[in-house]
């Protein structure tokens, strides 16, 4: 793979994630991707009035589902208090694993969100 193939693969994966979210009660709020951080990325979601983020840490291959314990205010208020996040789910992904596997891990975390949320 050359340097441009990695971000292309990432955005293809994010398109599939967005398509999966479309028919479910999630609202995609934010997305960040960093090629320089070994392909790390995160997305922030709203689900049943709560804020969650999914973080992929590229160096170690950790995929985590975090739940916010601070309401995230409207961006127009210009006050962005720091949110407190607690990890409620985790998967580990090896660099050799496919986009299909990453998507399956992500879907598994989101499918279990109610159970994970209650046990946190």
C-alpha atoms as a PDB file:
ATOM      1  CA  UNK A   1       0.000   0.000   0.000  1.00  0.00           C
ATOM      2  CA  UNK A   2       1.205   3.497  -0.698  1.00  0.00           C
ATOM      3  CA  UNK A   3       0.614   6.505   1.562  1.00  0.00           C
ATOM      4  CA  UNK A   4      -2.727   7.475   0.008  1.00  0.00           C
ATOM      5  CA  UNK A   5      -4.196   3.998   0.287  1.00  0.00           C
ATOM      6  CA  UNK A   6      -4.452   4.196   4.100  1.00  0.00           C
ATOM      7  CA  UNK A   7      -6.729   7.266   4.303  1.00  0.00           C
ATOM      8  CA  UNK A   8      -8.771   5.958   1.363  1.00  0.00           C
ATOM      9  CA  UNK A   9      -9.321   2.668   3.210  1.00  0.00           C
ATOM     10  CA  UNK A  10     -10.222   4.577   6.374  1.00  0.00           C
ATOM     11  CA  UNK A  11     -12.869   6.706   4.679  1.00  0.00           C
ATOM     12  CA  UNK A  12     -14.327   3.668   2.933  1.00  0.00           C
ATOM     13  CA  UNK A  13     -14.676   2.063   6.375  1.00  0.00           C
ATOM     14  CA  UNK A  14     -16.277   5.231   7.794  1.00  0.00           C
ATOM     15  CA  UNK A  15     -18.756   5.255   4.893  1.00  0.00           C
ATOM     16  CA  UNK A  16     -19.774   1.724   5.819  1.00  0.00           C
ATOM     17  CA  UNK A  17     -20.056   2.712   9.492  1.00  0.00           C
ATOM     18  CA  UNK A  18     -22.270   5.691   8.582  1.00  0.00           C
ATOM     19  CA  UNK A  19     -24.452   3.445   6.418  1.00  0.00           C
ATOM     20  CA  UNK A  20     -24.824   0.980   9.308  1.00  0.00           C
ATOM     21  CA  UNK A  21     -25.729   3.808  11.709  1.00  0.00           C
ATOM     22  CA  UNK A  22     -28.304   5.265   9.300  1.00  0.00           C
ATOM     23  CA  UNK A  23     -31.051   2.763  10.137  1.00  0.00           C
ATOM     24  CA  UNK A  24     -30.413   2.759  13.871  1.00  0.00           C
ATOM     25  CA  UNK A  25     -31.087   5.244  16.680  1.00  0.00           C
ATOM     26  CA  UNK A  26     -27.594   6.791  16.566  1.00  0.00           C
ATOM     27  CA  UNK A  27     -26.690  10.318  15.541  1.00  0.00           C
ATOM     28  CA  UNK A  28     -23.153  10.749  14.211  1.00  0.00           C
ATOM     29  CA  UNK A  29     -21.847  14.006  15.689  1.00  0.00           C
ATOM     30  CA  UNK A  30     -18.136  14.172  14.977  1.00  0.00           C
ATOM     31  CA  UNK A  31     -15.241  12.317  13.345  1.00  0.00           C
ATOM     32  CA  UNK A  32     -11.456  12.738  13.502  1.00  0.00           C
ATOM     33  CA  UNK A  33      -8.751  10.810  11.630  1.00  0.00           C
ATOM     34  CA  UNK A  34      -4.981  11.170  11.951  1.00  0.00           C
ATOM     35  CA  UNK A  35      -2.663   9.556   9.455  1.00  0.00           C
ATOM     36  CA  UNK A  36       0.294  10.800  11.517  1.00  0.00           C
ATOM     37  CA  UNK A  37      -0.935   8.914  14.579  1.00  0.00           C
ATOM     38  CA  UNK A  38      -0.672   5.529  12.904  1.00  0.00           C
ATOM     39  CA  UNK A  39      -4.192   5.776  11.504  1.00  0.00           C
ATOM     40  CA  UNK A  40      -5.881   6.598  14.806  1.00  0.00           C
ATOM     41  CA  UNK A  41      -9.443   7.876  14.619  1.00  0.00           C
ATOM     42  CA  UNK A  42     -12.522   8.510  16.706  1.00  0.00           C
ATOM     43  CA  UNK A  43     -16.183   9.221  16.215  1.00  0.00           C
ATOM     44  CA  UNK A  44     -18.639  10.777  18.639  1.00  0.00           C
ATOM     45  CA  UNK A  45     -22.265   9.628  18.670  1.00  0.00           C
ATOM     46  CA  UNK A  46     -25.485  10.438  20.448  1.00  0.00           C
ATOM     47  CA  UNK A  47     -27.634   7.475  21.457  1.00  0.00           C
ATOM     48  CA  UNK A  48     -30.799   7.832  23.519  1.00  0.00           C
ATOM     49  CA  UNK A  49     -29.716  11.227  24.840  1.00  0.00           C
ATOM     50  CA  UNK A  50     -26.217  10.119  25.874  1.00  0.00           C
ATOM     51  CA  UNK A  51     -22.913  10.848  24.185  1.00  0.00           C
ATOM     52  CA  UNK A  52     -20.531   8.046  23.238  1.00  0.00           C
ATOM     53  CA  UNK A  53     -17.293   7.884  21.347  1.00  0.00           C
ATOM     54  CA  UNK A  54     -15.551   5.079  19.577  1.00  0.00           C
ATOM     55  CA  UNK A  55     -11.784   5.444  19.562  1.00  0.00           C
ATOM     56  CA  UNK A  56      -9.333   3.454  17.471  1.00  0.00           C
ATOM     57  CA  UNK A  57      -5.763   3.862  18.696  1.00  0.00           C
ATOM     58  CA  UNK A  58      -3.664   2.829  15.716  1.00  0.00           C
ATOM     59  CA  UNK A  59      -0.386   2.050  17.476  1.00  0.00           C
ATOM     60  CA  UNK A  60      -1.781  -0.635  19.779  1.00  0.00           C
ATOM     61  CA  UNK A  61      -4.912  -1.532  17.801  1.00  0.00           C
ATOM     62  CA  UNK A  62      -7.281  -0.731  20.671  1.00  0.00           C
ATOM     63  CA  UNK A  63     -10.894  -0.079  19.709  1.00  0.00           C
ATOM     64  CA  UNK A  64     -12.824   1.319  22.675  1.00  0.00           C
ATOM     65  CA  UNK A  65     -16.386   2.428  23.311  1.00  0.00           C
ATOM     66  CA  UNK A  66     -16.542   5.276  25.820  1.00  0.00           C
ATOM     67  CA  UNK A  67     -19.553   6.897  27.487  1.00  0.00           C
ATOM     68  CA  UNK A  68     -19.624  10.576  28.468  1.00  0.00           C
ATOM     69  CA  UNK A  69     -20.501  11.557  31.997  1.00  0.00           C
ATOM     70  CA  UNK A  70     -20.742  15.273  31.208  1.00  0.00           C
ATOM     71  CA  UNK A  71     -23.306  16.674  28.816  1.00  0.00           C
ATOM     72  CA  UNK A  72     -21.618  18.129  25.772  1.00  0.00           C
ATOM     73  CA  UNK A  73     -23.056  21.636  25.249  1.00  0.00           C
ATOM     74  CA  UNK A  74     -24.154  23.201  22.015  1.00  0.00           C
ATOM     75  CA  UNK A  75     -21.071  24.376  20.105  1.00  0.00           C
ATOM     76  CA  UNK A  76     -22.703  27.768  19.619  1.00  0.00           C
ATOM     77  CA  UNK A  77     -22.404  28.480  23.337  1.00  0.00           C
ATOM     78  CA  UNK A  78     -18.603  28.807  22.953  1.00  0.00           C
ATOM     79  CA  UNK A  79     -18.208  26.996  26.263  1.00  0.00           C
ATOM     80  CA  UNK A  80     -16.723  23.556  25.841  1.00  0.00           C
ATOM     81  CA  UNK A  81     -16.224  21.992  29.248  1.00  0.00           C
ATOM     82  CA  UNK A  82     -14.068  18.935  29.293  1.00  0.00           C
ATOM     83  CA  UNK A  83     -16.118  15.761  29.131  1.00  0.00           C
ATOM     84  CA  UNK A  84     -15.369  12.862  31.386  1.00  0.00           C
ATOM     85  CA  UNK A  85     -15.237   9.585  29.484  1.00  0.00           C
ATOM     86  CA  UNK A  86     -15.393   6.072  30.846  1.00  0.00           C
ATOM     87  CA  UNK A  87     -14.507   3.062  28.708  1.00  0.00           C
ATOM     88  CA  UNK A  88     -17.402   0.606  28.696  1.00  0.00           C
ATOM     89  CA  UNK A  89     -16.289  -1.759  25.899  1.00  0.00           C
ATOM     90  CA  UNK A  90     -13.070  -2.786  24.185  1.00  0.00           C
ATOM     91  CA  UNK A  91     -11.694  -4.860  21.293  1.00  0.00           C
ATOM     92  CA  UNK A  92      -8.152  -5.309  20.057  1.00  0.00           C
ATOM     93  CA  UNK A  93      -7.422  -5.269  16.349  1.00  0.00           C
ATOM     94  CA  UNK A  94      -4.173  -6.444  14.771  1.00  0.00           C
ATOM     95  CA  UNK A  95      -2.825  -4.468  11.832  1.00  0.00           C
ATOM     96  CA  UNK A  96      -3.240  -7.502   9.577  1.00  0.00           C
ATOM     97  CA  UNK A  97      -6.983  -7.773  10.236  1.00  0.00           C
ATOM     98  CA  UNK A  98      -9.361  -6.706   7.523  1.00  0.00           C
ATOM     99  CA  UNK A  99     -11.826  -3.868   7.241  1.00  0.00           C
ATOM    100  CA  UNK A 100     -14.569  -6.489   7.632  1.00  0.00           C
ATOM    101  CA  UNK A 101     -13.168  -7.529  11.010  1.00  0.00           C
ATOM    102  CA  UNK A 102     -12.850  -3.916  12.206  1.00  0.00           C
ATOM    103  CA  UNK A 103     -16.431  -3.212  11.141  1.00  0.00           C
ATOM    104  CA  UNK A 104     -17.643  -6.391  12.884  1.00  0.00           C
ATOM    105  CA  UNK A 105     -15.914  -5.350  16.135  1.00  0.00           C
ATOM    106  CA  UNK A 106     -17.392  -1.864  15.929  1.00  0.00           C
ATOM    107  CA  UNK A 107     -20.887  -3.196  15.192  1.00  0.00           C
ATOM    108  CA  UNK A 108     -20.552  -5.648  18.074  1.00  0.00           C
ATOM    109  CA  UNK A 109     -19.707  -2.830  20.514  1.00  0.00           C
ATOM    110  CA  UNK A 110     -22.592  -0.679  19.296  1.00  0.00           C
ATOM    111  CA  UNK A 111     -25.059  -3.578  19.287  1.00  0.00           C
ATOM    112  CA  UNK A 112     -24.191  -4.255  22.938  1.00  0.00           C
ATOM    113  CA  UNK A 113     -24.320  -0.581  23.942  1.00  0.00           C
ATOM    114  CA  UNK A 114     -27.360  -0.926  26.230  1.00  0.00           C
ATOM    115  CA  UNK A 115     -25.875  -3.859  28.134  1.00  0.00           C
ATOM    116  CA  UNK A 116     -22.441  -2.190  28.355  1.00  0.00           C
ATOM    117  CA  UNK A 117     -23.995   1.081  29.478  1.00  0.00           C
ATOM    118  CA  UNK A 118     -25.905  -0.562  32.322  1.00  0.00           C
ATOM    119  CA  UNK A 119     -22.893  -2.501  33.576  1.00  0.00           C
ATOM    120  CA  UNK A 120     -20.636   0.605  33.636  1.00  0.00           C
END
